[in-house]
Amino acid sequence: MAEQAQEKLPENVVFVGMKPPMAYVLGVVTQLSNGQKQVFLKARGRSISKAVDVAEIVRRKFVQDIRVSSIDIGTEERSLENGQKINVSTISIAIGK
């Protein structure tokens, strides 16, 4: 079998997807309590609103002295299996102490 090379991802990045928001809130709070100064929430497409919800839940309910330091939005061009290219919106929210 061929081994696939996996890229090492930074610890302070939380990718928001299909799980419930509280799963990502737990990930962010865990990173902050383990000494990370800044955590990045990243999402694409329909998960963007969930990433915003996660940032607000962390900021309002769990860590009161936290700030949203930056929000970056963009667009990625993705290729479908049939070769068609589509644009997908992206967001990266940096929150930290």
Protein backbone atom coordinates (compact mmCIF):
# COMPACT_ATOMS: atom_id res chain seq x y z
CA MET A 1 0.00 0.00 0.00
CA ALA A 2 1.14 3.50 -0.73
CA GLU A 3 1.36 5.83 2.23
CA GLN A 4 -0.20 9.22 1.90
CA ALA A 5 1.81 12.19 3.08
CA GLN A 6 -0.15 14.16 5.63
CA GLU A 7 0.51 17.81 6.12
CA LYS A 8 1.15 18.88 9.73
CA LEU A 9 -1.60 21.28 10.75
CA PRO A 10 -1.09 23.92 13.43
CA GLU A 11 -2.62 23.13 16.82
CA ASN A 12 -4.38 26.45 17.09
CA VAL A 13 -6.65 25.97 14.05
CA VAL A 14 -10.21 24.66 14.44
CA PHE A 15 -11.96 23.68 11.20
CA VAL A 16 -15.72 24.16 11.46
CA GLY A 17 -17.84 21.63 9.58
CA MET A 18 -20.87 19.41 10.13
CA LYS A 19 -20.67 18.80 13.90
CA PRO A 20 -22.82 20.74 16.39
CA PRO A 21 -21.43 24.17 17.36
CA MET A 22 -20.67 23.12 20.95
CA ALA A 23 -18.13 20.56 19.67
CA TYR A 24 -16.12 23.41 18.15
CA VAL A 25 -16.66 25.64 21.20
CA LEU A 26 -15.09 22.88 23.31
CA GLY A 27 -12.13 22.71 20.92
CA VAL A 28 -11.54 26.47 21.08
CA VAL A 29 -11.88 26.65 24.88
CA THR A 30 -9.53 23.67 25.25
CA GLN A 31 -6.89 25.33 23.06
CA LEU A 32 -7.14 28.59 25.01
CA SER A 33 -6.94 26.81 28.39
CA ASN A 34 -3.86 24.87 27.18
CA GLY A 35 -1.97 28.13 26.76
CA GLN A 36 -2.62 29.10 23.13
CA LYS A 37 -2.68 32.90 22.84
CA GLN A 38 -4.71 32.85 19.62
CA VAL A 39 -7.04 30.33 17.96
CA PHE A 40 -8.20 30.42 14.34
CA LEU A 41 -11.69 29.26 13.34
CA LYS A 42 -11.80 28.32 9.66
CA ALA A 43 -14.88 27.43 7.63
CA ARG A 44 -16.11 27.18 4.05
CA GLY A 45 -19.51 27.50 2.41
CA ARG A 46 -22.53 26.77 4.56
CA SER A 47 -20.40 26.34 7.68
CA ILE A 48 -19.46 30.03 7.75
CA SER A 49 -22.48 31.01 9.85
CA LYS A 50 -21.67 28.20 12.30
CA ALA A 51 -18.09 29.52 12.67
CA VAL A 52 -19.46 32.96 13.53
CA ASP A 53 -21.82 31.37 16.06
CA VAL A 54 -18.93 29.46 17.65
CA ALA A 55 -16.85 32.64 17.99
CA GLU A 56 -19.76 34.47 19.61
CA ILE A 57 -20.57 31.60 22.00
CA VAL A 58 -16.94 31.43 23.13
CA ARG A 59 -16.75 35.21 23.52
CA ARG A 60 -20.04 35.69 25.38
CA LYS A 61 -20.47 32.53 27.45
CA PHE A 62 -17.09 30.93 28.16
CA VAL A 63 -14.14 33.35 27.98
CA GLN A 64 -15.14 36.92 28.80
CA ASP A 65 -11.70 38.53 28.30
CA ILE A 66 -11.32 37.28 24.72
CA ARG A 67 -11.25 39.43 21.59
CA VAL A 68 -11.83 38.82 17.91
CA SER A 69 -8.55 40.11 16.50
CA SER A 70 -9.20 39.59 12.79
CA ILE A 71 -11.70 38.23 10.30
CA ASP A 72 -10.51 37.25 6.82
CA ILE A 73 -12.95 36.34 4.06
CA GLY A 74 -12.20 34.99 0.63
CA THR A 75 -13.18 32.68 -2.19
CA GLU A 76 -11.65 29.37 -3.26
CA GLU A 77 -12.13 27.82 -6.67
CA ARG A 78 -12.93 24.12 -6.31
CA SER A 79 -13.18 21.46 -9.01
CA LEU A 80 -16.05 19.00 -8.95
CA GLU A 81 -15.67 15.37 -10.02
CA ASN A 82 -17.12 16.16 -13.44
CA GLY A 83 -14.49 18.87 -14.02
CA GLN A 84 -16.79 21.81 -13.38
CA LYS A 85 -15.28 24.63 -11.34
CA ILE A 86 -17.24 26.35 -8.56
CA ASN A 87 -16.46 29.20 -6.17
CA VAL A 88 -16.69 28.51 -2.43
CA SER A 89 -16.64 31.30 0.17
CA THR A 90 -14.20 30.99 3.09
CA ILE A 91 -13.75 32.68 6.46
CA SER A 92 -10.98 32.70 9.04
CA ILE A 93 -11.74 34.20 12.46
CA ALA A 94 -8.81 34.86 14.81
CA ILE A 95 -9.77 35.02 18.48
CA GLY A 96 -7.36 35.44 21.36
CA LYS A 97 -6.62 36.97 24.72
